[in-house]
Protein backbone atom coordinates (compact mmCIF):
# COMPACT_ATOMS: atom_id res chain seq x y z
CA MET A 1 133.57 71.45 143.92
CA LYS A 2 135.47 74.54 142.40
CA LYS A 3 134.68 73.60 138.70
CA TYR A 4 130.75 74.13 139.54
CA VAL A 5 131.34 77.69 141.30
CA THR A 6 130.27 79.88 138.08
CA ARG A 7 127.50 77.97 137.50
CA ILE A 8 126.49 78.10 141.29
CA VAL A 9 127.32 81.55 141.62
CA ILE A 10 125.08 82.30 138.57
CA ILE A 11 122.16 80.33 140.15
CA ALA A 12 122.20 82.51 143.65
CA ALA A 13 122.52 85.38 141.43
CA CYS A 14 119.51 84.56 139.52
CA VAL A 15 117.63 83.49 143.16
CA VAL A 16 118.76 87.09 144.28
CA VAL A 17 117.42 88.75 141.28
CA ALA A 18 114.11 86.86 141.49
CA VAL A 19 113.53 87.73 145.11
CA TYR A 20 114.30 91.32 144.99
CA TYR A 21 111.47 91.93 142.28
CA LEU A 22 109.46 89.58 144.44
CA PHE A 23 109.66 90.99 147.30
CA PRO A 24 107.28 94.17 146.34
CA THR A 25 104.23 91.75 145.69
CA TRP A 26 104.83 90.23 149.26
CA ARG A 27 105.35 93.85 150.80
CA ASP A 28 102.14 94.79 149.33
CA TYR A 29 99.96 91.95 150.60
CA ASP A 30 101.78 92.07 154.00
CA LEU A 31 100.91 95.75 154.55
CA HIS A 32 97.39 95.79 153.27
CA ARG A 33 96.60 92.25 155.25
CA GLN A 34 97.70 94.55 157.98
CA LEU A 35 96.06 97.73 157.18
CA LYS A 36 92.66 95.32 156.94
CA THR A 37 93.02 94.39 160.87
CA LEU A 38 92.88 98.44 161.61
CA SER A 39 90.12 100.78 161.44
CA GLY A 40 89.18 104.67 162.03
CA THR A 41 92.21 106.83 163.05
CA ASP A 42 94.26 103.64 163.54
CA SER A 43 94.09 102.98 159.82
CA LEU A 44 94.44 106.69 159.06
CA GLN A 45 97.86 106.51 160.98
CA PHE A 46 99.07 103.27 159.20
CA VAL A 47 98.43 105.35 156.02
CA ALA A 48 99.96 107.85 156.86
CA ASP A 49 103.42 105.86 158.35
CA HIS A 50 103.42 103.61 155.48
CA ASP A 51 102.47 105.89 153.04
CA LEU A 52 105.59 105.75 150.60
CA GLY A 53 106.01 101.74 151.35
CA LEU A 54 102.35 101.18 150.40
CA ARG A 55 102.85 103.21 147.07
CA ASP A 56 106.03 101.55 146.24
CA ALA A 57 104.97 98.30 146.61
CA ARG A 58 101.84 98.59 144.73
CA ALA A 59 103.63 100.04 141.88
CA ARG A 60 105.93 97.27 141.80
CA ARG A 61 103.91 94.07 142.58
CA ILE A 62 102.43 91.77 140.27
CA LYS A 63 99.56 93.18 138.30
CA LEU A 64 96.49 91.27 138.58
CA GLY A 65 94.39 91.09 135.60
CA LEU A 66 90.28 92.08 135.70
CA ASP A 67 89.31 88.54 136.20
CA LEU A 68 91.10 88.59 139.13
CA GLN A 69 90.85 91.50 140.69
CA GLY A 70 87.25 92.51 139.57
CA GLY A 71 86.88 95.67 137.76
CA MET A 72 85.58 96.64 134.27
CA ARG A 73 86.69 96.32 130.36
CA VAL A 74 85.61 98.54 127.86
CA VAL A 75 85.89 98.64 124.07
CA LEU A 76 85.12 101.77 122.78
CA GLU A 77 85.06 102.72 118.59
CA VAL A 78 86.41 105.86 117.05
CA ASN A 79 83.44 107.04 114.88
CA VAL A 80 85.52 107.54 112.08
CA LEU A 81 82.85 108.41 109.37
CA LYS A 82 81.79 110.81 111.44
CA LEU A 83 85.27 112.19 111.43
CA ILE A 84 85.29 111.69 107.30
CA GLU A 85 81.39 113.72 107.22
CA ASP A 86 82.86 116.57 109.49
CA LEU A 87 86.10 117.08 107.31
CA ALA A 88 84.25 117.73 104.28
CA LYS A 89 84.10 121.53 103.28
CA ASN A 90 80.34 121.24 101.91
CA ARG A 91 78.13 118.57 101.59
CA ASP A 92 75.54 118.42 99.03
CA ASP A 93 72.86 115.49 98.31
CA VAL A 94 75.47 113.54 96.24
CA PHE A 95 77.53 113.61 98.85
CA THR A 96 74.94 112.86 101.50
CA GLN A 97 74.19 109.74 99.16
CA ILE A 98 77.52 108.81 98.97
CA MET A 99 78.31 108.60 103.09
CA ASN A 100 74.91 107.10 103.26
CA GLU A 101 76.16 103.91 101.04
CA VAL A 102 79.72 103.99 102.58
CA ARG A 103 77.72 104.00 106.30
CA ALA A 104 75.33 100.94 105.37
CA GLU A 105 78.66 99.18 103.38
CA ALA A 106 81.31 99.61 106.68
CA GLY A 107 78.58 97.65 108.86
CA THR A 108 79.54 94.49 106.86
CA SER A 109 83.14 95.05 105.43
CA GLU A 110 86.24 94.48 106.59
CA GLU A 111 87.58 97.48 104.66
CA SER A 112 88.63 101.30 106.15
CA PRO A 113 85.64 103.40 105.64
CA VAL A 114 88.16 105.84 103.79
CA LEU A 115 88.68 103.42 100.90
CA LEU A 116 85.19 102.63 100.85
CA LEU A 117 84.43 106.36 100.26
CA ARG A 118 87.37 106.74 97.65
CA ARG A 119 85.45 103.85 95.58
CA LYS A 120 82.17 105.34 95.72
CA PHE A 121 83.58 108.77 94.55
CA GLU A 122 85.47 106.83 91.69
CA SER A 123 82.59 105.10 90.64
CA ARG A 124 80.35 108.14 90.24
CA GLN A 125 83.26 109.76 88.39
CA ILE A 126 83.71 112.62 91.01
CA ARG A 127 87.08 114.33 91.80
CA MET A 128 87.15 114.09 95.74
CA SER A 129 88.92 117.84 95.98
CA ARG A 130 85.07 118.72 94.88
CA TYR A 131 84.38 118.19 99.05
CA TYR A 132 87.76 117.51 100.47
CA ARG A 133 90.54 120.08 100.79
CA ASN A 134 91.51 122.31 97.57
CA LEU A 135 90.47 121.53 93.95
CA ARG A 136 94.04 121.35 92.79
CA ASP A 137 93.99 118.21 95.05
CA ASN A 138 94.11 114.74 93.30
CA ASN A 139 92.43 111.52 94.80
CA ASP A 140 95.07 110.05 95.74
CA ASP A 141 96.47 113.10 97.80
CA ILE A 142 93.30 113.55 99.71
CA PHE A 143 93.07 109.65 100.46
CA LYS A 144 96.51 110.18 101.68
CA PHE A 145 95.03 112.93 103.95
CA LEU A 146 91.83 110.98 105.37
CA GLN A 147 93.92 108.47 106.18
CA ASP A 148 96.16 109.99 108.47
CA GLU A 149 92.70 111.87 110.08
CA SER A 150 91.86 108.73 110.67
CA THR A 151 94.92 107.44 112.16
CA LYS A 152 95.15 110.60 114.63
CA ALA A 153 91.51 110.53 115.56
CA ILE A 154 93.04 107.31 117.09
CA ASP A 155 95.77 108.72 118.75
CA ARG A 156 93.80 111.85 119.81
CA GLY A 157 90.81 109.49 121.58
CA MET A 158 93.69 107.37 123.18
CA GLU A 159 95.26 110.38 124.70
CA ILE A 160 92.07 111.86 125.90
CA VAL A 161 90.97 108.45 127.86
CA ARG A 162 94.31 108.29 128.98
CA ASN A 163 94.05 111.86 131.08
CA ARG A 164 91.00 111.30 131.99
CA VAL A 165 91.51 107.51 133.73
CA ASP A 166 94.79 109.30 135.13
CA GLN A 167 92.47 111.95 136.76
CA TYR A 168 89.98 109.84 137.74
CA GLY A 169 92.46 108.12 140.22
CA VAL A 170 92.49 104.34 138.80
CA SER A 171 95.40 102.36 139.61
CA GLU A 172 97.23 100.37 137.03
CA PRO A 173 94.46 100.69 133.96
CA SER A 174 95.48 99.29 130.82
CA ILE A 175 94.44 101.58 127.28
CA GLN A 176 95.92 99.97 124.39
CA LYS A 177 94.65 100.42 120.41
CA LEU A 178 93.00 97.50 118.73
CA GLY A 179 92.95 97.48 115.08
CA GLY A 180 92.40 100.44 113.35
CA THR A 181 89.63 102.12 115.49
CA ARG A 182 88.98 100.20 118.55
CA ILE A 183 90.42 101.25 122.07
CA ILE A 184 90.48 98.54 125.23
CA VAL A 185 90.38 100.06 128.37
CA GLU A 186 90.68 98.09 131.63
CA LEU A 187 89.99 99.77 134.82
CA PRO A 188 90.57 97.44 137.85
CA GLY A 189 88.54 97.98 141.15
CA VAL A 190 86.11 100.15 139.09
CA THR A 191 82.16 99.24 139.27
CA SER A 192 80.33 101.95 138.70
CA GLU A 193 78.78 101.89 135.31
CA ALA A 194 77.26 105.18 134.84
CA GLU A 195 80.77 106.82 135.65
CA VAL A 196 82.75 104.83 133.16
CA ARG A 197 80.28 105.57 130.89
CA GLY A 198 80.49 109.55 131.36
CA LEU A 199 83.81 109.38 131.70
CA LEU A 200 85.00 107.73 128.39
CA GLN A 201 82.22 109.22 126.32
CA ALA A 202 82.35 113.04 127.22
CA THR A 203 83.75 115.09 124.58
CA ALA A 204 86.82 116.55 125.17
CA LEU A 205 86.74 119.70 126.71
CA LEU A 206 90.03 122.07 125.50
CA GLU A 207 90.38 125.94 127.14
CA PHE A 208 93.32 128.13 127.42
CA LYS A 209 93.88 129.86 130.93
CA LEU A 210 96.11 132.38 132.14
CA LEU A 211 98.51 131.48 134.84
CA LYS A 212 98.26 133.84 138.04
CA GLU A 213 100.97 136.88 138.63
CA PRO A 214 104.27 135.02 140.17
CA ASP A 215 104.20 137.24 143.33
CA VAL A 216 100.53 136.56 143.86
CA THR A 217 100.87 133.15 143.87
CA TYR A 218 103.91 133.33 146.08
CA ARG A 219 101.46 135.30 148.42
CA ILE A 220 98.67 132.67 148.21
CA ALA A 221 101.16 129.65 148.61
CA GLU A 222 102.82 131.67 151.93
CA GLY A 223 99.44 131.75 153.59
CA ILE A 224 99.02 128.21 152.89
CA ASP A 225 101.91 127.33 154.47
CA LYS A 226 101.51 129.24 157.46
CA LEU A 227 97.58 127.84 157.76
CA LEU A 228 98.95 124.18 157.82
CA ALA A 229 101.84 124.99 160.10
CA ALA A 230 99.72 126.28 162.33
CA SER A 231 97.07 123.44 162.10
CA ALA A 232 100.02 120.61 162.36
CA ARG A 233 101.23 122.24 166.07
CA THR A 234 97.48 120.72 167.05
CA ASP A 235 96.62 118.21 164.58
CA THR A 236 99.11 115.27 165.36
CA LEU A 237 97.70 113.05 162.58
CA LEU A 238 98.13 115.53 159.94
CA ALA A 239 101.87 116.59 161.09
CA ASP A 240 102.51 112.70 161.01
CA SER A 241 101.00 112.62 157.69
CA LEU A 242 103.23 115.69 156.08
CA LEU A 243 106.87 114.07 157.84
CA ALA A 244 105.84 110.24 156.44
CA GLY A 245 107.97 110.18 153.46
CA THR A 246 108.82 114.19 152.39
CA THR A 247 112.09 115.05 151.61
CA ALA A 248 112.85 118.73 151.64
CA PRO A 249 114.80 120.67 148.65
CA ASP A 250 117.50 122.93 149.45
CA THR A 251 115.81 126.21 148.49
CA SER A 252 118.98 128.34 149.00
CA ARG A 253 120.11 126.48 145.56
CA GLY A 254 116.88 126.09 143.99
CA ASP A 255 117.70 122.38 143.88
CA THR A 256 114.53 119.79 143.57
CA ALA A 257 116.48 116.58 144.19
CA LYS A 258 116.62 115.48 147.77
CA ALA A 259 118.86 117.42 150.06
CA GLU A 260 122.51 115.65 150.49
CA THR A 261 122.85 117.53 153.96
CA THR A 262 121.10 117.25 157.04
CA LYS A 263 120.55 121.02 157.05
CA ILE A 264 118.95 123.27 154.65
CA SER A 265 119.42 127.15 154.18
CA THR A 266 116.52 128.89 154.36
CA PRO A 267 115.66 132.91 155.37
CA GLU A 268 115.06 132.11 158.71
CA GLY A 269 118.63 130.20 158.94
CA GLU A 270 119.93 126.66 158.68
CA LEU A 271 116.70 124.04 159.09
CA SER A 272 117.00 120.33 159.52
CA GLN A 273 114.61 118.46 157.09
CA GLU A 274 112.39 117.71 159.87
CA GLU A 275 112.26 120.94 161.16
CA PHE A 276 111.83 122.36 157.72
CA THR A 277 108.63 120.02 156.84
CA ARG A 278 107.18 121.19 160.41
CA LYS A 279 107.59 124.83 159.88
CA HIS A 280 106.77 124.63 155.97
CA PRO A 281 104.46 121.69 155.57
CA PHE A 282 103.37 123.31 151.85
CA PHE A 283 106.77 124.47 150.48
CA SER A 284 108.90 121.01 151.45
CA THR A 285 106.35 119.37 149.01
CA ALA A 286 105.28 121.91 146.37
CA ILE A 287 108.54 123.15 145.87
CA TYR A 288 108.81 126.68 144.92
CA THR A 289 112.14 128.13 143.01
CA GLU A 290 113.46 130.49 141.00
CA GLN A 291 114.16 128.77 138.22
CA PHE A 292 110.63 127.59 137.76
CA LYS A 293 109.15 130.65 139.16
CA GLY A 294 105.06 130.90 138.96
CA VAL A 295 104.46 127.41 139.36
CA PHE A 296 105.15 124.77 141.87
CA LEU A 297 107.20 121.34 141.41
CA VAL A 298 105.58 118.01 143.27
CA ALA A 299 107.71 115.12 143.23
CA GLU A 300 105.68 112.15 141.97
CA ASP A 301 105.39 110.25 145.34
CA ASN A 302 104.04 113.44 146.80
CA LYS A 303 101.28 114.30 144.21
CA LEU A 304 98.65 112.55 146.03
CA LYS A 305 99.72 114.16 149.49
CA VAL A 306 99.58 117.78 148.00
CA ARG A 307 96.34 116.99 146.57
CA ARG A 308 94.91 116.06 149.70
CA LEU A 309 96.17 119.24 151.46
CA LEU A 310 94.71 121.54 148.55
CA GLU A 311 91.43 119.84 149.26
CA ARG A 312 90.83 120.84 152.85
CA GLU A 313 87.86 123.10 153.58
CA ASP A 314 90.27 125.47 155.64
CA VAL A 315 92.91 125.54 152.83
CA LYS A 316 90.23 126.42 149.89
CA LYS A 317 89.32 129.43 151.92
CA VAL A 318 92.56 131.01 151.59
CA ILE A 319 92.82 130.25 147.64
CA PRO A 320 90.85 132.92 145.89
CA ASN A 321 87.97 132.58 144.46
CA ASP A 322 89.08 133.21 140.57
CA MET A 323 91.97 130.99 141.05
CA GLU A 324 92.60 127.42 141.02
CA PHE A 325 95.76 124.67 141.08
CA ILE A 326 95.76 122.04 138.05
CA TRP A 327 97.95 119.51 137.52
CA SER A 328 100.60 119.05 134.23
CA ALA A 329 99.33 115.77 132.34
CA LYS A 330 103.05 114.34 132.43
CA THR A 331 105.81 114.49 134.83
CA GLN A 332 109.46 115.68 134.13
CA LEU A 333 112.44 114.19 134.87
CA LEU A 334 114.44 116.82 137.38
CA GLY A 335 117.79 116.19 139.22
CA GLU A 336 121.72 115.48 138.79
CA ARG A 337 122.55 112.99 136.58
CA GLY A 338 121.86 109.50 137.79
CA GLN A 339 119.88 111.12 140.22
CA GLU A 340 117.05 111.90 138.61
CA LYS A 341 113.42 111.85 140.26
CA LYS A 342 109.75 112.29 138.25
CA PHE A 343 108.23 115.81 139.31
CA PHE A 344 104.63 117.09 138.18
CA THR A 345 103.96 120.91 137.72
CA LEU A 346 101.21 122.02 139.85
CA TYR A 347 99.80 125.66 137.79
CA PRO A 348 97.90 128.36 139.76
CA VAL A 349 95.53 129.32 137.23
CA LYS A 350 92.38 131.99 136.45
CA LYS A 351 89.56 129.73 137.10
CA ASN A 352 87.80 131.14 134.19
CA ALA A 353 89.33 130.21 130.59
CA GLU A 354 89.79 133.12 128.57
CA LEU A 355 89.17 131.04 125.27
CA THR A 356 87.76 127.06 124.37
CA GLY A 357 89.51 124.64 122.09
CA GLY A 358 86.56 125.09 119.44
CA VAL A 359 87.78 128.08 117.50
CA ILE A 360 90.91 125.94 116.17
CA VAL A 361 90.93 124.89 112.91
CA ASN A 362 93.65 123.14 112.29
CA ALA A 363 97.26 122.36 114.69
CA LYS A 364 100.41 121.00 113.08
CA TRP A 365 103.42 119.67 114.66
CA GLN A 366 106.85 120.48 112.61
CA ILE A 367 110.87 121.29 112.99
CA ASP A 368 112.02 124.88 113.06
CA PRO A 369 114.22 125.21 110.02
CA SER A 370 115.62 128.16 111.99
CA TYR A 371 116.72 126.71 115.14
CA ASN A 372 115.95 122.98 114.02
CA ARG A 373 113.61 122.46 117.36
CA PRO A 374 110.03 120.87 117.13
CA ILE A 375 107.48 123.87 117.38
CA VAL A 376 103.48 123.57 116.66
CA THR A 377 101.42 125.91 114.63
CA MET A 378 97.94 126.75 115.34
CA GLU A 379 95.22 128.06 113.15
CA MET A 380 92.00 129.52 114.62
CA ASN A 381 88.53 130.48 113.20
CA ASN A 382 87.30 134.07 112.46
CA GLU A 383 85.91 134.47 115.95
CA GLY A 384 88.79 132.80 118.02
CA SER A 385 91.69 134.81 115.99
CA ARG A 386 89.82 138.27 116.96
CA GLU A 387 89.55 136.79 120.60
CA TRP A 388 93.12 135.52 120.62
CA ALA A 389 94.56 138.99 119.77
CA ARG A 390 92.69 140.67 121.90
CA ILE A 391 93.99 138.45 124.68
CA THR A 392 97.53 137.81 123.57
CA GLY A 393 97.77 141.41 123.04
CA ALA A 394 96.61 142.54 126.75
CA ASN A 395 99.27 139.49 128.26
CA ILE A 396 102.67 139.77 126.75
CA ASN A 397 105.02 138.06 128.84
CA LYS A 398 102.48 135.79 130.40
CA ARG A 399 101.62 132.17 130.57
CA ILE A 400 98.78 131.01 128.96
CA ALA A 401 98.13 127.28 129.70
CA ILE A 402 96.60 125.02 127.71
CA VAL A 403 94.21 122.77 129.53
CA MET A 404 92.43 119.37 128.40
CA ASP A 405 90.05 117.79 130.74
CA ASN A 406 91.74 119.46 133.73
CA ALA A 407 95.49 118.98 132.66
CA VAL A 408 97.93 121.24 131.89
CA PHE A 409 99.59 120.00 128.70
CA SER A 410 101.97 123.19 128.09
CA ALA A 411 102.30 126.45 129.24
CA PRO A 412 103.83 128.85 126.49
CA ASN A 413 104.88 132.37 127.01
CA VAL A 414 103.21 135.10 125.19
CA LEU A 415 105.97 136.94 123.28
CA THR A 416 103.74 139.45 121.13
CA LYS A 417 100.20 140.00 120.22
CA ILE A 418 99.00 137.59 117.36
CA THR A 419 96.86 138.42 114.58
CA GLY A 420 95.43 136.57 112.10
CA GLY A 421 94.64 133.35 113.61
CA HIS A 422 97.83 131.61 113.36
CA SER A 423 100.00 130.77 116.23
CA GLN A 424 103.43 129.45 117.08
CA ILE A 425 103.88 127.47 119.96
CA GLU A 426 107.81 126.92 120.89
CA GLY A 427 109.64 125.32 123.97
CA MET A 428 109.17 121.69 123.06
CA GLU A 429 112.30 119.44 124.33
CA SER A 430 111.39 116.57 121.64
CA GLU A 431 109.17 115.65 118.67
CA ALA A 432 107.16 113.71 120.94
CA GLU A 433 106.03 116.12 123.14
CA ALA A 434 105.08 118.09 119.80
CA LYS A 435 103.05 115.42 118.31
CA LEU A 436 101.65 114.86 121.63
CA LEU A 437 100.61 119.14 121.68
CA GLU A 438 99.28 118.49 118.27
CA ILE A 439 97.07 115.88 119.09
CA VAL A 440 95.85 117.87 122.45
CA LEU A 441 94.77 120.97 120.02
CA LYS A 442 93.23 118.83 117.52
CA ALA A 443 90.78 117.32 120.19
CA GLY A 444 89.09 120.19 121.06
CA ALA A 445 88.98 121.05 117.05
CA LEU A 446 87.76 118.21 115.36
CA PRO A 447 86.56 115.53 118.16
CA ALA A 448 85.81 112.17 116.29
CA PRO A 449 82.87 110.78 118.21
CA VAL A 450 83.64 107.44 120.43
CA ASP A 451 81.36 104.40 120.75
CA MET A 452 80.97 102.44 123.65
CA ILE A 453 80.63 98.75 121.83
CA GLU A 454 81.62 96.57 124.86
CA GLN A 455 81.24 96.74 128.28
CA ARG A 456 81.74 93.80 130.83
CA SER A 457 81.98 93.96 134.23
CA VAL A 458 84.22 91.94 136.96
CA GLY A 459 82.97 91.70 140.63
CA PRO A 460 85.60 91.92 143.18
CA SER A 461 83.87 88.76 144.99
CA LEU A 462 83.92 86.86 141.78
CA GLY A 463 87.55 88.00 141.38
CA GLU A 464 88.35 86.21 144.71
CA ASP A 465 86.96 83.30 143.30
CA SER A 466 88.83 83.48 140.93
CA ILE A 467 92.05 83.84 142.50
CA ARG A 468 91.09 80.74 145.07
CA ALA A 469 90.46 78.66 142.21
CA GLY A 470 93.66 79.03 140.44
CA VAL A 471 95.76 78.74 143.43
CA MET A 472 93.68 75.89 144.03
CA SER A 473 93.88 74.40 140.51
CA SER A 474 97.95 75.19 140.72
CA ALA A 475 98.46 73.39 143.94
CA ILE A 476 96.69 70.54 142.82
CA ALA A 477 98.96 70.61 139.51
CA ILE A 478 101.97 71.13 141.19
CA GLY A 479 101.35 68.28 143.73
CA LEU A 480 100.41 65.69 141.56
CA THR A 481 103.47 66.38 139.55
CA ILE A 482 105.73 66.45 141.74
CA LEU A 483 104.43 63.23 143.67
CA PHE A 484 104.50 61.14 140.20
CA MET A 485 108.46 62.58 139.25
CA ALA A 486 109.32 61.43 143.39
CA VAL A 487 107.69 58.04 142.79
CA TYR A 488 108.34 57.16 139.44
CA TYR A 489 112.15 58.58 139.03
CA ARG A 490 113.06 58.56 142.69
CA THR A 491 116.18 60.64 143.16
CA GLY A 492 115.91 62.16 140.05
CA GLY A 493 112.36 63.00 140.06
CA GLY A 494 112.90 64.39 143.84
CA VAL A 495 115.50 66.73 141.78
CA ALA A 496 113.57 67.52 139.28
CA ASP A 497 111.10 69.05 141.82
CA PHE A 498 113.63 70.79 143.24
CA ALA A 499 114.00 72.60 140.17
CA LEU A 500 110.42 72.88 139.52
CA VAL A 501 110.34 75.29 142.69
CA PHE A 502 112.81 77.41 141.13
CA THR A 503 111.13 77.65 137.87
CA VAL A 504 108.00 78.66 139.77
CA ILE A 505 109.56 81.52 141.20
CA PHE A 506 111.59 82.84 138.39
CA LEU A 507 108.54 82.87 136.63
CA LEU A 508 106.74 85.28 138.62
CA ALA A 509 109.78 87.37 139.25
CA VAL A 510 110.05 87.73 135.38
CA LEU A 511 106.68 88.64 135.41
CA ALA A 512 107.09 91.53 138.30
CA ALA A 513 109.87 92.63 136.27
CA PHE A 514 108.20 93.14 133.42
CA GLN A 515 105.32 94.60 135.10
CA GLY A 516 103.08 91.96 133.55
CA THR A 517 99.93 91.64 134.38
CA LEU A 518 98.86 88.00 135.64
CA THR A 519 95.11 86.85 134.74
CA MET A 520 93.53 83.57 135.25
CA PRO A 521 94.29 82.83 131.47
CA GLY A 522 98.36 83.16 132.99
CA ILE A 523 97.57 81.09 135.76
CA ALA A 524 96.96 78.51 133.04
CA GLY A 525 99.98 78.95 131.28
CA ILE A 526 101.78 78.46 134.29
CA ILE A 527 100.23 75.21 134.92
CA LEU A 528 101.08 74.07 131.49
CA THR A 529 104.72 75.55 131.71
CA LEU A 530 105.46 73.06 134.95
CA ALA A 531 104.10 70.35 132.70
CA VAL A 532 106.54 71.52 130.05
CA ALA A 533 109.13 71.77 132.57
CA VAL A 534 108.88 68.15 133.61
CA ASP A 535 108.46 67.09 130.12
CA ALA A 536 112.01 68.07 129.65
CA ASN A 537 113.80 66.19 132.86
CA VAL A 538 111.53 63.48 131.95
CA LEU A 539 113.42 63.27 128.38
CA ILE A 540 116.56 63.73 130.05
CA TYR A 541 116.09 60.98 132.67
CA GLU A 542 115.25 58.42 130.06
CA ARG A 543 117.86 59.01 128.13
CA ILE A 544 120.12 58.65 131.39
CA ARG A 545 118.64 55.10 131.73
CA GLU A 546 119.08 54.08 128.71
CA GLU A 547 123.17 55.09 128.73
CA THR A 548 123.32 53.35 131.96
CA ALA A 549 121.74 50.14 131.00
CA GLY A 550 123.92 50.11 128.15
CA GLY A 551 127.06 49.97 130.60
CA LYS A 552 128.32 53.53 131.10
CA THR A 553 129.63 54.79 134.19
CA PRO A 554 127.00 57.24 136.18
CA ARG A 555 129.17 60.57 135.27
CA ALA A 556 129.34 59.17 131.55
CA ALA A 557 125.76 58.31 131.25
CA ILE A 558 124.51 61.86 132.88
CA ASP A 559 126.97 63.27 130.52
CA ALA A 560 125.54 61.42 127.57
CA GLY A 561 121.76 61.92 128.74
CA TYR A 562 121.91 65.85 128.86
CA SER A 563 123.71 65.93 125.74
CA LYS A 564 121.61 63.82 123.44
CA ALA A 565 118.14 64.76 125.13
CA PHE A 566 118.87 68.90 124.46
CA THR A 567 118.26 68.75 120.77
CA ALA A 568 114.66 67.21 121.13
CA ILE A 569 114.32 69.71 124.37
CA PHE A 570 115.10 72.82 122.30
CA ASP A 571 113.13 71.88 119.29
CA SER A 572 110.04 71.45 121.53
CA ASN A 573 110.34 74.16 123.63
CA LEU A 574 111.35 76.41 120.41
CA THR A 575 108.05 75.42 118.56
CA THR A 576 106.30 76.28 121.38
CA LEU A 577 107.87 79.54 122.55
CA ILE A 578 107.31 80.69 118.51
CA THR A 579 103.33 79.47 119.16
CA GLY A 580 103.26 81.83 122.14
CA VAL A 581 104.78 84.38 120.41
CA ILE A 582 102.18 84.24 117.60
CA LEU A 583 99.28 83.89 120.17
CA TYR A 584 100.48 87.10 121.97
CA GLN A 585 101.03 89.11 118.82
CA PHE A 586 97.80 88.61 117.54
CA GLY A 587 95.86 87.65 120.31
CA THR A 588 94.04 90.03 122.85
CA GLY A 589 93.27 89.76 126.37
CA PRO A 590 92.91 86.36 127.97
CA VAL A 591 94.88 84.69 124.88
CA GLN A 592 97.89 87.44 125.33
CA GLY A 593 97.78 86.48 129.32
CA PHE A 594 97.90 82.78 128.50
CA ALA A 595 100.66 83.55 126.26
CA LEU A 596 102.69 85.85 128.22
CA THR A 597 102.97 83.56 130.93
CA LEU A 598 103.65 80.40 128.63
CA MET A 599 106.66 82.49 126.85
CA ILE A 600 108.49 83.42 130.08
CA GLY A 601 107.73 79.56 131.19
CA ILE A 602 109.56 78.60 128.42
CA VAL A 603 112.61 80.15 128.90
CA VAL A 604 112.86 79.95 132.45
CA SER A 605 111.96 76.04 132.63
CA LEU A 606 114.76 75.40 130.33
CA PHE A 607 117.13 77.30 132.52
CA SER A 608 115.73 75.29 135.51
CA ALA A 609 115.71 71.61 133.55
CA ILE A 610 118.99 71.79 132.00
CA VAL A 611 121.41 73.92 134.34
CA ILE A 612 120.24 73.72 137.65
CA THR A 613 119.33 69.81 137.92
CA ARG A 614 122.74 69.09 136.29
CA VAL A 615 125.05 71.14 138.86
CA VAL A 616 122.91 68.87 141.28
CA PHE A 617 123.53 65.70 139.53
CA ASP A 618 127.03 66.48 139.02
CA MET A 619 127.76 67.45 142.60
CA MET A 620 125.95 64.08 143.68
CA VAL A 621 128.03 61.84 141.75
CA ASP A 622 131.52 63.55 142.35
CA ARG A 623 130.62 63.34 146.35
CA SER A 624 128.96 59.49 146.13
CA GLY A 625 130.73 58.51 143.16
CA VAL A 626 127.82 56.14 142.33
CA ALA A 627 125.02 56.45 139.96
CA VAL A 628 122.07 58.77 141.03
CA ASN A 629 118.80 56.59 141.24
CA PHE A 630 116.28 57.21 138.36
CA GLY A 631 113.86 54.62 139.12
């Protein structure tokens, strides 16, 4: 028994890890099963009591694809031809004729519109610099510029779509690039065709809004806090929802992480976390500190709660008509090393924008050679330059939020009056953040139109039917496989069936661990995996039969069976794995779902067929000393 301890420990560890990753899926199913039995106030109370559990389980469960969950799949195409046309500095009859020819040819050609445009210019022996950039630039320079702008247009489109989908509140959306001009958007649970079309195709709205003064912001926040505290004393449901999952900070230290002590220092004295939350329901979730003066930090888990509080009619009356709260587009990690948490920033801004993004001519990120830090330079047209000089001159040492589609991407501080329309934005922590800000600023300057070329809806009832059919087909496949192995290979078949259960568990656990999405083709991949797993056992068992017929002892026959069958098993699984990688790399949608489960299944089935069954057989032979019945 001792010589098997290492392998048994490895198998046990794998099972524990698998259970850990699969538990949220079971937890999500169990909580929603309980929620379906409730209604009215009971369901609201249940959601308040299990708010964190519901969100955590939903975030870590096995994701379901559109064909299982229902929703919409939209394919968008960025209109690169319109972008190329807008980038031209002048347009005469010759240019219009060339663009018409490129537009006609692009409909039937696989080549990029930029390459087609270059060929048209060169066939007429016309320099591209006549219409693009500077006269000193050659065709290679302009071609590279247009290609770069086309690529960035896709990135801008994806960022705009991602931002809008996040604000729309879709859970588990999928947004990915396809080829050089297309974006695939999958929205589970969304059924309104008109809303999706308006959401994805509207022009990006870029605005510059001034932040409210910190002292004014704090007084308003105090008013909201006192109002909610008074309401919570008479509204039990509100009080319970405020207490559910709230972690209060130690405001004396300006700490944004969870307080490690049971007492919290406040001007009123030391309070327990529950007392602090009851007395300061707004400040317990929307954290206001000296370090981040003028804005609020909200833990990712509390964002929905704060949003609901701000949407209350009585709270809206406390907020001035010229002010609104806008969320940051991204989260930031705060807290002690190893205990960081994700926080959104809540910006109090003036409702009316000072300037819109239509005045921006260009934006570019670069590394500041003086300080070796990323910066973004921004250039405005004449009208924008005059307005920007007036705005910055009147608001020195104040912050201006850069807002796109009602989400703040940056809020730089105005250091001096900016004239000439050339601005430099500092304070980015990384190149990625600077690149994102460039994309946001350009989204308001040169928006490439986005066309919806494909739209497909899947109803939730059809998704339920797919799940039912998938579960039924899987159950039948597993049942028949188990029955065949048990009848044909007797004891050996029973061991293979035992390992088959672990194969399914490990496969689903890996899918959950890597946030994979389960689709109907994915279920087909799981069923195929079961056949592949059994196939490995068949090769081993047939080899053991041959070795036993040749007169070898049970131990020697098993050793020889696994050793000699391994090469054939490894080769066949490797070729299948390579096929799966190719399908995943070059396939889309359903093909990728099938390939993903197939690749995971190949790896876990090898582990089950070779490691788990081998340990069981070795232990059986050592204990009984007789051959295992392989039929």
